């Protein structure tokens, strides 16, 4: 599925964050009457298209919801609202409430993991949590993202900006990057206003929002499904998280930060195993 097909498959809802009504684009597939709902959360500077090789594979036995965080992808990207993970927690809560979705399993990457941790600590709606090269504690922001938050990002020449995105997505892949992945990840930021939108998203990264969490309040079943060669969010953070919360760490070799893209087959396999082993519904999955 290319990024245009993914966009065509999305729908839109309105969520309220700090008094601002914002559009949120999301992919909604699978069985809406299924016992389990999987929510996939992306990070920065990606969007829901990150999950194209993983999320649809679970539609036979789950409802699958894959949102664009506000400020990202096809969701609202204008001025005047917060993009921090605190704000994303509010937005995702509003989306799930609006869809009438209760308990969920969250599969999260990068800052999406910070959003997931906050939801798991602050509510009882997260029964299972899959964290992949995700932010936690004070593991972030990394220099690359902090630099994108500078005002100079919005003033970059178009070719310089696209080259910076190529470094992130093409050179950031393990081995040769799939051109469809690189094109899809870049596309929202290359639209008019994209440079400013990315700068706003980057400057909203706030370490306080993961250091202030009461981690002992997270009682979801936990899997840290982590690329072991990631330099931006090293596996030591997943190991610390799993040790504190009583979870499992599964390292994936031959993968950098874009673990979902680098190892989709192994990712699907390990995720399905975890879902099966932690399933509590009658008759299993």
C-alpha atoms as a PDB file:
ATOM      1  CA  UNK A   1       0.000   0.000   0.000  1.00  0.00           C
ATOM      2  CA  UNK A   2       1.483   3.352  -0.999  1.00  0.00           C
ATOM      3  CA  UNK A   3       0.928   6.603   0.893  1.00  0.00           C
ATOM      4  CA  UNK A   4      -1.828   7.763  -1.466  1.00  0.00           C
ATOM      5  CA  UNK A   5      -3.793   4.536  -0.937  1.00  0.00           C
ATOM      6  CA  UNK A   6      -3.254   4.812   2.813  1.00  0.00           C
ATOM      7  CA  UNK A   7      -4.537   8.386   2.794  1.00  0.00           C
ATOM      8  CA  UNK A   8      -7.590   7.329   0.760  1.00  0.00           C
ATOM      9  CA  UNK A   9      -8.343   4.667   3.405  1.00  0.00           C
ATOM     10  CA  UNK A  10      -8.336   7.196   6.246  1.00  0.00           C
ATOM     11  CA  UNK A  11     -11.337   8.891   7.773  1.00  0.00           C
ATOM     12  CA  UNK A  12     -11.532  11.986   9.960  1.00  0.00           C
ATOM     13  CA  UNK A  13     -12.795  12.880  13.416  1.00  0.00           C
ATOM     14  CA  UNK A  14     -12.786  16.061  15.468  1.00  0.00           C
ATOM     15  CA  UNK A  15     -10.981  16.044  18.806  1.00  0.00           C
ATOM     16  CA  UNK A  16     -10.698  18.833  21.356  1.00  0.00           C
ATOM     17  CA  UNK A  17      -7.320  19.723  22.838  1.00  0.00           C
ATOM     18  CA  UNK A  18      -7.036  22.618  25.286  1.00  0.00           C
ATOM     19  CA  UNK A  19     -10.199  24.162  23.879  1.00  0.00           C
ATOM     20  CA  UNK A  20      -9.106  23.797  20.235  1.00  0.00           C
ATOM     21  CA  UNK A  21     -11.263  21.661  17.939  1.00  0.00           C
ATOM     22  CA  UNK A  22      -8.841  19.794  15.678  1.00  0.00           C
ATOM     23  CA  UNK A  23      -9.275  17.327  12.842  1.00  0.00           C
ATOM     24  CA  UNK A  24      -7.642  13.947  13.367  1.00  0.00           C
ATOM     25  CA  UNK A  25      -7.132  11.583  10.450  1.00  0.00           C
ATOM     26  CA  UNK A  26      -7.074   7.881  11.231  1.00  0.00           C
ATOM     27  CA  UNK A  27      -7.162   4.464   9.620  1.00  0.00           C
ATOM     28  CA  UNK A  28      -9.928   2.248  10.994  1.00  0.00           C
ATOM     29  CA  UNK A  29      -9.978  -1.347   9.779  1.00  0.00           C
ATOM     30  CA  UNK A  30     -10.853  -4.853  10.801  1.00  0.00           C
ATOM     31  CA  UNK A  31     -13.766  -6.237  12.782  1.00  0.00           C
ATOM     32  CA  UNK A  32     -15.509  -3.526  14.806  1.00  0.00           C
ATOM     33  CA  UNK A  33     -17.271  -6.240  16.795  1.00  0.00           C
ATOM     34  CA  UNK A  34     -14.014  -8.003  17.680  1.00  0.00           C
ATOM     35  CA  UNK A  35     -13.144  -8.540  21.327  1.00  0.00           C
ATOM     36  CA  UNK A  36      -9.869  -6.654  20.989  1.00  0.00           C
ATOM     37  CA  UNK A  37      -8.969  -3.250  19.570  1.00  0.00           C
ATOM     38  CA  UNK A  38      -5.400  -2.491  18.574  1.00  0.00           C
ATOM     39  CA  UNK A  39      -4.285   1.144  18.472  1.00  0.00           C
ATOM     40  CA  UNK A  40      -1.018   1.880  16.675  1.00  0.00           C
ATOM     41  CA  UNK A  41       0.761   5.145  17.517  1.00  0.00           C
ATOM     42  CA  UNK A  42       3.588   6.646  15.476  1.00  0.00           C
ATOM     43  CA  UNK A  43       6.275   9.115  16.540  1.00  0.00           C
ATOM     44  CA  UNK A  44       8.242  12.033  15.134  1.00  0.00           C
ATOM     45  CA  UNK A  45       8.791  12.741  12.259  1.00  0.00           C
ATOM     46  CA  UNK A  46       6.540   9.956  10.937  1.00  0.00           C
ATOM     47  CA  UNK A  47       2.763   9.506  10.567  1.00  0.00           C
ATOM     48  CA  UNK A  48       0.358   6.573  10.575  1.00  0.00           C
ATOM     49  CA  UNK A  49       1.738   5.301   7.245  1.00  0.00           C
ATOM     50  CA  UNK A  50       4.628   3.933   9.319  1.00  0.00           C
ATOM     51  CA  UNK A  51       2.365   0.988  10.237  1.00  0.00           C
ATOM     52  CA  UNK A  52       1.282   0.036   6.710  1.00  0.00           C
ATOM     53  CA  UNK A  53       3.141  -3.307   6.761  1.00  0.00           C
ATOM     54  CA  UNK A  54       1.992  -4.294  10.249  1.00  0.00           C
ATOM     55  CA  UNK A  55      -1.408  -2.958  11.330  1.00  0.00           C
ATOM     56  CA  UNK A  56      -3.580  -4.321   8.455  1.00  0.00           C
ATOM     57  CA  UNK A  57      -2.239  -7.833   9.100  1.00  0.00           C
ATOM     58  CA  UNK A  58      -4.286  -7.959  12.325  1.00  0.00           C
ATOM     59  CA  UNK A  59      -7.648  -7.002  10.850  1.00  0.00           C
ATOM     60  CA  UNK A  60      -8.973 -10.575  10.685  1.00  0.00           C
ATOM     61  CA  UNK A  61      -9.362 -10.803  14.463  1.00  0.00           C
ATOM     62  CA  UNK A  62      -9.106  -7.234  15.770  1.00  0.00           C
ATOM     63  CA  UNK A  63     -10.360  -3.759  15.159  1.00  0.00           C
ATOM     64  CA  UNK A  64      -7.328  -1.757  14.074  1.00  0.00           C
ATOM     65  CA  UNK A  65      -7.122   2.018  14.656  1.00  0.00           C
ATOM     66  CA  UNK A  66      -4.100   3.931  13.401  1.00  0.00           C
ATOM     67  CA  UNK A  67      -4.302   7.717  13.930  1.00  0.00           C
ATOM     68  CA  UNK A  68      -2.168  10.558  12.721  1.00  0.00           C
ATOM     69  CA  UNK A  69      -1.208  12.472  15.836  1.00  0.00           C
ATOM     70  CA  UNK A  70      -2.418  16.072  15.741  1.00  0.00           C
ATOM     71  CA  UNK A  71       0.120  18.161  13.884  1.00  0.00           C
ATOM     72  CA  UNK A  72       1.245  15.175  11.796  1.00  0.00           C
ATOM     73  CA  UNK A  73       0.299  13.498   8.542  1.00  0.00           C
ATOM     74  CA  UNK A  74      -3.234  14.324   7.456  1.00  0.00           C
ATOM     75  CA  UNK A  75      -4.378  15.628  10.842  1.00  0.00           C
ATOM     76  CA  UNK A  76      -4.633  19.337  11.667  1.00  0.00           C
ATOM     77  CA  UNK A  77      -1.288  21.093  11.268  1.00  0.00           C
ATOM     78  CA  UNK A  78      -2.111  24.771  11.705  1.00  0.00           C
ATOM     79  CA  UNK A  79      -0.997  27.218  14.346  1.00  0.00           C
ATOM     80  CA  UNK A  80      -2.096  27.810  17.908  1.00  0.00           C
ATOM     81  CA  UNK A  81      -2.250  24.342  19.462  1.00  0.00           C
ATOM     82  CA  UNK A  82       0.072  22.078  21.421  1.00  0.00           C
ATOM     83  CA  UNK A  83       1.681  19.025  19.775  1.00  0.00           C
ATOM     84  CA  UNK A  84       3.352  17.661  22.915  1.00  0.00           C
ATOM     85  CA  UNK A  85       2.732  14.107  24.068  1.00  0.00           C
ATOM     86  CA  UNK A  86       0.553  15.508  26.859  1.00  0.00           C
ATOM     87  CA  UNK A  87      -1.657  17.053  24.170  1.00  0.00           C
ATOM     88  CA  UNK A  88      -1.531  13.864  22.103  1.00  0.00           C
ATOM     89  CA  UNK A  89      -2.768  11.921  25.137  1.00  0.00           C
ATOM     90  CA  UNK A  90      -5.792  14.222  25.254  1.00  0.00           C
ATOM     91  CA  UNK A  91      -6.356  13.896  21.500  1.00  0.00           C
ATOM     92  CA  UNK A  92      -6.147  10.078  21.468  1.00  0.00           C
ATOM     93  CA  UNK A  93      -8.476   9.875  24.460  1.00  0.00           C
ATOM     94  CA  UNK A  94     -10.950  12.059  22.600  1.00  0.00           C
ATOM     95  CA  UNK A  95     -10.707   9.917  19.472  1.00  0.00           C
ATOM     96  CA  UNK A  96     -11.298   6.665  21.347  1.00  0.00           C
ATOM     97  CA  UNK A  97     -14.155   8.157  23.360  1.00  0.00           C
ATOM     98  CA  UNK A  98     -15.749   9.481  20.190  1.00  0.00           C
ATOM     99  CA  UNK A  99     -15.505   6.066  18.541  1.00  0.00           C
ATOM    100  CA  UNK A 100     -16.989   4.364  21.589  1.00  0.00           C
ATOM    101  CA  UNK A 101     -13.841   2.307  22.135  1.00  0.00           C
ATOM    102  CA  UNK A 102     -13.076   1.178  25.674  1.00  0.00           C
ATOM    103  CA  UNK A 103     -10.175  -1.110  26.552  1.00  0.00           C
ATOM    104  CA  UNK A 104      -7.369  -1.252  23.993  1.00  0.00           C
ATOM    105  CA  UNK A 105      -3.977  -2.698  23.254  1.00  0.00           C
ATOM    106  CA  UNK A 106      -1.561   0.047  22.220  1.00  0.00           C
ATOM    107  CA  UNK A 107       1.378  -0.623  19.932  1.00  0.00           C
ATOM    108  CA  UNK A 108       3.634   2.412  19.923  1.00  0.00           C
ATOM    109  CA  UNK A 109       6.848   3.730  18.416  1.00  0.00           C
ATOM    110  CA  UNK A 110       9.016   6.717  19.339  1.00  0.00           C
ATOM    111  CA  UNK A 111       6.986   9.540  20.971  1.00  0.00           C
ATOM    112  CA  UNK A 112       3.871   7.451  20.424  1.00  0.00           C
ATOM    113  CA  UNK A 113       5.293   5.353  23.241  1.00  0.00           C
ATOM    114  CA  UNK A 114       5.271   8.348  25.552  1.00  0.00           C
ATOM    115  CA  UNK A 115       1.613   8.932  24.694  1.00  0.00           C
ATOM    116  CA  UNK A 116       0.871   5.268  25.372  1.00  0.00           C
ATOM    117  CA  UNK A 117       2.650   5.329  28.737  1.00  0.00           C
ATOM    118  CA  UNK A 118       0.654   8.356  29.831  1.00  0.00           C
ATOM    119  CA  UNK A 119      -2.614   6.706  28.819  1.00  0.00           C
ATOM    120  CA  UNK A 120      -1.644   3.525  30.649  1.00  0.00           C
ATOM    121  CA  UNK A 121      -0.633   5.437  33.793  1.00  0.00           C
ATOM    122  CA  UNK A 122      -3.650   7.743  33.848  1.00  0.00           C
ATOM    123  CA  UNK A 123      -6.463   5.391  32.792  1.00  0.00           C
ATOM    124  CA  UNK A 124      -7.465   1.742  33.042  1.00  0.00           C
ATOM    125  CA  UNK A 125      -8.248   1.444  29.341  1.00  0.00           C
ATOM    126  CA  UNK A 126      -4.824   0.035  28.268  1.00  0.00           C
ATOM    127  CA  UNK A 127      -4.648  -3.690  28.938  1.00  0.00           C
ATOM    128  CA  UNK A 128      -1.589  -4.469  26.808  1.00  0.00           C
ATOM    129  CA  UNK A 129       1.281  -2.230  25.795  1.00  0.00           C
ATOM    130  CA  UNK A 130       3.839  -2.847  23.067  1.00  0.00           C
ATOM    131  CA  UNK A 131       6.698  -0.356  23.097  1.00  0.00           C
ATOM    132  CA  UNK A 132       9.113  -0.158  20.181  1.00  0.00           C
ATOM    133  CA  UNK A 133      12.170   2.110  20.365  1.00  0.00           C
ATOM    134  CA  UNK A 134       9.913   4.410  22.290  1.00  0.00           C
ATOM    135  CA  UNK A 135      10.585   7.430  24.442  1.00  0.00           C
ATOM    136  CA  UNK A 136      10.412   6.950  28.195  1.00  0.00           C
ATOM    137  CA  UNK A 137      11.924   8.507  31.307  1.00  0.00           C
ATOM    138  CA  UNK A 138      14.452  11.122  30.089  1.00  0.00           C
ATOM    139  CA  UNK A 139      15.554   9.256  26.957  1.00  0.00           C
ATOM    140  CA  UNK A 140      14.642  12.129  24.647  1.00  0.00           C
ATOM    141  CA  UNK A 141      14.590  14.407  22.710  1.00  0.00           C
ATOM    142  CA  UNK A 142      17.524  13.416  20.546  1.00  0.00           C
ATOM    143  CA  UNK A 143      19.724  16.039  18.908  1.00  0.00           C
ATOM    144  CA  UNK A 144      18.267  15.553  15.428  1.00  0.00           C
ATOM    145  CA  UNK A 145      14.745  16.352  16.605  1.00  0.00           C
ATOM    146  CA  UNK A 146      15.838  19.185  18.867  1.00  0.00           C
ATOM    147  CA  UNK A 147      17.601  20.760  15.882  1.00  0.00           C
ATOM    148  CA  UNK A 148      14.443  20.497  13.776  1.00  0.00           C
ATOM    149  CA  UNK A 149      12.682  22.574  16.422  1.00  0.00           C
ATOM    150  CA  UNK A 150      14.849  25.610  15.698  1.00  0.00           C
ATOM    151  CA  UNK A 151      13.264  28.522  13.791  1.00  0.00           C
ATOM    152  CA  UNK A 152      15.751  27.952  10.971  1.00  0.00           C
ATOM    153  CA  UNK A 153      13.878  24.796   9.941  1.00  0.00           C
ATOM    154  CA  UNK A 154      10.974  26.842   8.592  1.00  0.00           C
ATOM    155  CA  UNK A 155      13.413  29.010   6.613  1.00  0.00           C
ATOM    156  CA  UNK A 156      15.320  26.195   4.932  1.00  0.00           C
ATOM    157  CA  UNK A 157      15.504  25.979   1.161  1.00  0.00           C
ATOM    158  CA  UNK A 158      13.256  23.241  -0.160  1.00  0.00           C
ATOM    159  CA  UNK A 159      16.112  21.058  -1.407  1.00  0.00           C
ATOM    160  CA  UNK A 160      17.994  21.378   1.894  1.00  0.00           C
ATOM    161  CA  UNK A 161      14.872  20.432   3.852  1.00  0.00           C
ATOM    162  CA  UNK A 162      14.159  17.408   1.674  1.00  0.00           C
ATOM    163  CA  UNK A 163      17.784  16.320   2.001  1.00  0.00           C
ATOM    164  CA  UNK A 164      17.425  16.418   5.791  1.00  0.00           C
ATOM    165  CA  UNK A 165      14.349  14.193   5.525  1.00  0.00           C
ATOM    166  CA  UNK A 166      16.253  11.817   3.270  1.00  0.00           C
ATOM    167  CA  UNK A 167      18.917  11.503   5.934  1.00  0.00           C
ATOM    168  CA  UNK A 168      16.227  10.615   8.457  1.00  0.00           C
ATOM    169  CA  UNK A 169      14.295   8.101   6.382  1.00  0.00           C
ATOM    170  CA  UNK A 170      16.579   6.757   3.650  1.00  0.00           C
ATOM    171  CA  UNK A 171      19.890   6.708   5.495  1.00  0.00           C
ATOM    172  CA  UNK A 172      18.107   5.816   8.722  1.00  0.00           C
ATOM    173  CA  UNK A 173      16.926   2.484   7.367  1.00  0.00           C
ATOM    174  CA  UNK A 174      18.853  -0.732   7.962  1.00  0.00           C
ATOM    175  CA  UNK A 175      20.137  -1.660   4.517  1.00  0.00           C
ATOM    176  CA  UNK A 176      18.537  -0.198   1.413  1.00  0.00           C
ATOM    177  CA  UNK A 177      15.412   1.805   2.216  1.00  0.00           C
ATOM    178  CA  UNK A 178      12.140   1.024   0.446  1.00  0.00           C
ATOM    179  CA  UNK A 179      11.489   4.046  -1.821  1.00  0.00           C
ATOM    180  CA  UNK A 180       7.759   3.806  -1.013  1.00  0.00           C
ATOM    181  CA  UNK A 181       8.549   4.227   2.670  1.00  0.00           C
ATOM    182  CA  UNK A 182      10.836   7.216   2.106  1.00  0.00           C
ATOM    183  CA  UNK A 183       8.418   8.926  -0.277  1.00  0.00           C
ATOM    184  CA  UNK A 184       5.477   8.287   2.033  1.00  0.00           C
ATOM    185  CA  UNK A 185       7.209   9.545   5.146  1.00  0.00           C
ATOM    186  CA  UNK A 186       8.398  12.733   3.438  1.00  0.00           C
ATOM    187  CA  UNK A 187       5.175  13.605   1.632  1.00  0.00           C
ATOM    188  CA  UNK A 188       3.232  15.373   4.416  1.00  0.00           C
ATOM    189  CA  UNK A 189       6.233  17.531   5.315  1.00  0.00           C
ATOM    190  CA  UNK A 190       6.862  18.508   1.690  1.00  0.00           C
ATOM    191  CA  UNK A 191       3.421  20.063   1.329  1.00  0.00           C
ATOM    192  CA  UNK A 192       2.975  23.790   1.683  1.00  0.00           C
ATOM    193  CA  UNK A 193       3.583  24.739   5.311  1.00  0.00           C
ATOM    194  CA  UNK A 194       5.271  21.409   6.046  1.00  0.00           C
ATOM    195  CA  UNK A 195       8.573  22.849   7.214  1.00  0.00           C
ATOM    196  CA  UNK A 196       6.841  25.046   9.756  1.00  0.00           C
ATOM    197  CA  UNK A 197       4.599  22.170  10.842  1.00  0.00           C
ATOM    198  CA  UNK A 198       7.600  19.938  11.490  1.00  0.00           C
ATOM    199  CA  UNK A 199       9.375  22.678  13.428  1.00  0.00           C
ATOM    200  CA  UNK A 200       6.281  23.086  15.620  1.00  0.00           C
ATOM    201  CA  UNK A 201       6.120  19.345  16.234  1.00  0.00           C
ATOM    202  CA  UNK A 202       9.810  19.159  17.098  1.00  0.00           C
ATOM    203  CA  UNK A 203       9.776  22.103  19.479  1.00  0.00           C
ATOM    204  CA  UNK A 204       6.837  20.517  21.338  1.00  0.00           C
ATOM    205  CA  UNK A 205       8.928  17.545  22.472  1.00  0.00           C
ATOM    206  CA  UNK A 206       8.936  17.850  26.252  1.00  0.00           C
ATOM    207  CA  UNK A 207      10.899  15.426  28.402  1.00  0.00           C
ATOM    208  CA  UNK A 208       8.859  16.423  31.450  1.00  0.00           C
ATOM    209  CA  UNK A 209       5.883  14.555  30.039  1.00  0.00           C
ATOM    210  CA  UNK A 210       7.595  11.198  30.467  1.00  0.00           C
ATOM    211  CA  UNK A 211       9.576  11.992  33.604  1.00  0.00           C
ATOM    212  CA  UNK A 212       6.437  13.034  35.493  1.00  0.00           C
ATOM    213  CA  UNK A 213       4.630   9.729  34.908  1.00  0.00           C
ATOM    214  CA  UNK A 214       4.032   7.513  37.938  1.00  0.00           C
ATOM    215  CA  UNK A 215       5.378   4.391  36.257  1.00  0.00           C
ATOM    216  CA  UNK A 216       4.151   2.198  39.087  1.00  0.00           C
ATOM    217  CA  UNK A 217       0.604   3.027  37.951  1.00  0.00           C
ATOM    218  CA  UNK A 218       1.163   1.258  34.614  1.00  0.00           C
ATOM    219  CA  UNK A 219      -0.237  -2.248  35.058  1.00  0.00           C
ATOM    220  CA  UNK A 220      -0.669  -3.243  31.422  1.00  0.00           C
ATOM    221  CA  UNK A 221       0.955  -6.388  30.075  1.00  0.00           C
ATOM    222  CA  UNK A 222       4.169  -5.094  28.512  1.00  0.00           C
ATOM    223  CA  UNK A 223       6.279  -6.127  25.543  1.00  0.00           C
ATOM    224  CA  UNK A 224       9.319  -4.065  24.576  1.00  0.00           C
ATOM    225  CA  UNK A 225       9.777  -5.083  20.953  1.00  0.00           C
ATOM    226  CA  UNK A 226      12.967  -3.184  20.242  1.00  0.00           C
ATOM    227  CA  UNK A 227      15.510  -2.781  17.451  1.00  0.00           C
ATOM    228  CA  UNK A 228      18.762  -3.655  19.155  1.00  0.00           C
ATOM    229  CA  UNK A 229      20.938  -1.471  16.884  1.00  0.00           C
ATOM    230  CA  UNK A 230      19.045   1.794  17.420  1.00  0.00           C
ATOM    231  CA  UNK A 231      21.302   4.644  18.482  1.00  0.00           C
ATOM    232  CA  UNK A 232      18.493   7.176  19.062  1.00  0.00           C
ATOM    233  CA  UNK A 233      16.486   5.126  21.562  1.00  0.00           C
ATOM    234  CA  UNK A 234      18.885   2.344  22.619  1.00  0.00           C
ATOM    235  CA  UNK A 235      17.546  -0.958  23.867  1.00  0.00           C
ATOM    236  CA  UNK A 236      18.786  -0.160  27.380  1.00  0.00           C
ATOM    237  CA  UNK A 237      15.717   2.065  27.766  1.00  0.00           C
ATOM    238  CA  UNK A 238      13.419  -0.825  26.884  1.00  0.00           C
ATOM    239  CA  UNK A 239      15.260  -3.050  29.322  1.00  0.00           C
ATOM    240  CA  UNK A 240      14.858  -0.481  32.085  1.00  0.00           C
ATOM    241  CA  UNK A 241      11.172  -0.110  31.319  1.00  0.00           C
ATOM    242  CA  UNK A 242      10.571  -3.857  31.262  1.00  0.00           C
ATOM    243  CA  UNK A 243      12.529  -4.346  34.483  1.00  0.00           C
ATOM    244  CA  UNK A 244      10.509  -1.703  36.294  1.00  0.00           C
ATOM    245  CA  UNK A 245       7.102  -2.714  34.939  1.00  0.00           C
ATOM    246  CA  UNK A 246       7.626  -6.468  34.847  1.00  0.00           C
ATOM    247  CA  UNK A 247       7.530  -6.792  31.074  1.00  0.00           C
ATOM    248  CA  UNK A 248       9.327  -8.733  28.372  1.00  0.00           C
ATOM    249  CA  UNK A 249      12.092  -7.504  26.077  1.00  0.00           C
ATOM    250  CA  UNK A 250      12.413  -8.971  22.581  1.00  0.00           C
ATOM    251  CA  UNK A 251      15.372  -7.544  20.634  1.00  0.00           C
ATOM    252  CA  UNK A 252      15.137  -7.464  16.842  1.00  0.00           C
ATOM    253  CA  UNK A 253      18.475  -7.701  15.072  1.00  0.00           C
ATOM    254  CA  UNK A 254      19.253  -5.972  11.763  1.00  0.00           C
ATOM    255  CA  UNK A 255      17.106  -2.962  12.603  1.00  0.00           C
ATOM    256  CA  UNK A 256      17.670   0.664  13.487  1.00  0.00           C
ATOM    257  CA  UNK A 257      15.126   3.181  14.777  1.00  0.00           C
ATOM    258  CA  UNK A 258      12.584   2.407  12.025  1.00  0.00           C
ATOM    259  CA  UNK A 259      12.184  -1.127  13.357  1.00  0.00           C
ATOM    260  CA  UNK A 260       8.631  -1.456  12.009  1.00  0.00           C
ATOM    261  CA  UNK A 261       9.956  -0.769   8.524  1.00  0.00           C
ATOM    262  CA  UNK A 262      13.242  -2.661   8.855  1.00  0.00           C
ATOM    263  CA  UNK A 263      11.783  -5.922  10.202  1.00  0.00           C
ATOM    264  CA  UNK A 264       8.033  -6.055   9.398  1.00  0.00           C
ATOM    265  CA  UNK A 265       7.835  -9.857   9.169  1.00  0.00           C
ATOM    266  CA  UNK A 266       9.549 -10.428  12.500  1.00  0.00           C
ATOM    267  CA  UNK A 267       7.588  -7.565  14.026  1.00  0.00           C
ATOM    268  CA  UNK A 268       4.252  -9.090  13.006  1.00  0.00           C
ATOM    269  CA  UNK A 269       5.331 -12.503  14.253  1.00  0.00           C
ATOM    270  CA  UNK A 270       6.402 -11.291  17.690  1.00  0.00           C
ATOM    271  CA  UNK A 271       3.372  -9.045  18.072  1.00  0.00           C
ATOM    272  CA  UNK A 272       0.995 -11.890  17.219  1.00  0.00           C
ATOM    273  CA  UNK A 273       2.775 -14.190  19.658  1.00  0.00           C
ATOM    274  CA  UNK A 274       2.448 -11.627  22.441  1.00  0.00           C
ATOM    275  CA  UNK A 275      -1.234 -11.019  21.695  1.00  0.00           C
ATOM    276  CA  UNK A 276      -1.930 -14.755  21.731  1.00  0.00           C
ATOM    277  CA  UNK A 277      -0.015 -15.404  24.946  1.00  0.00           C
ATOM    278  CA  UNK A 278      -1.689 -12.531  26.791  1.00  0.00           C
ATOM    279  CA  UNK A 279      -5.187 -13.054  25.415  1.00  0.00           C
ATOM    280  CA  UNK A 280      -7.778 -13.484  28.178  1.00  0.00           C
ATOM    281  CA  UNK A 281     -10.934 -13.756  26.065  1.00  0.00           C
ATOM    282  CA  UNK A 282     -12.798 -17.098  26.097  1.00  0.00           C
ATOM    283  CA  UNK A 283     -11.336 -19.421  23.492  1.00  0.00           C
ATOM    284  CA  UNK A 284      -8.313 -17.159  22.918  1.00  0.00           C
ATOM    285  CA  UNK A 285      -7.897 -15.366  19.608  1.00  0.00           C
END
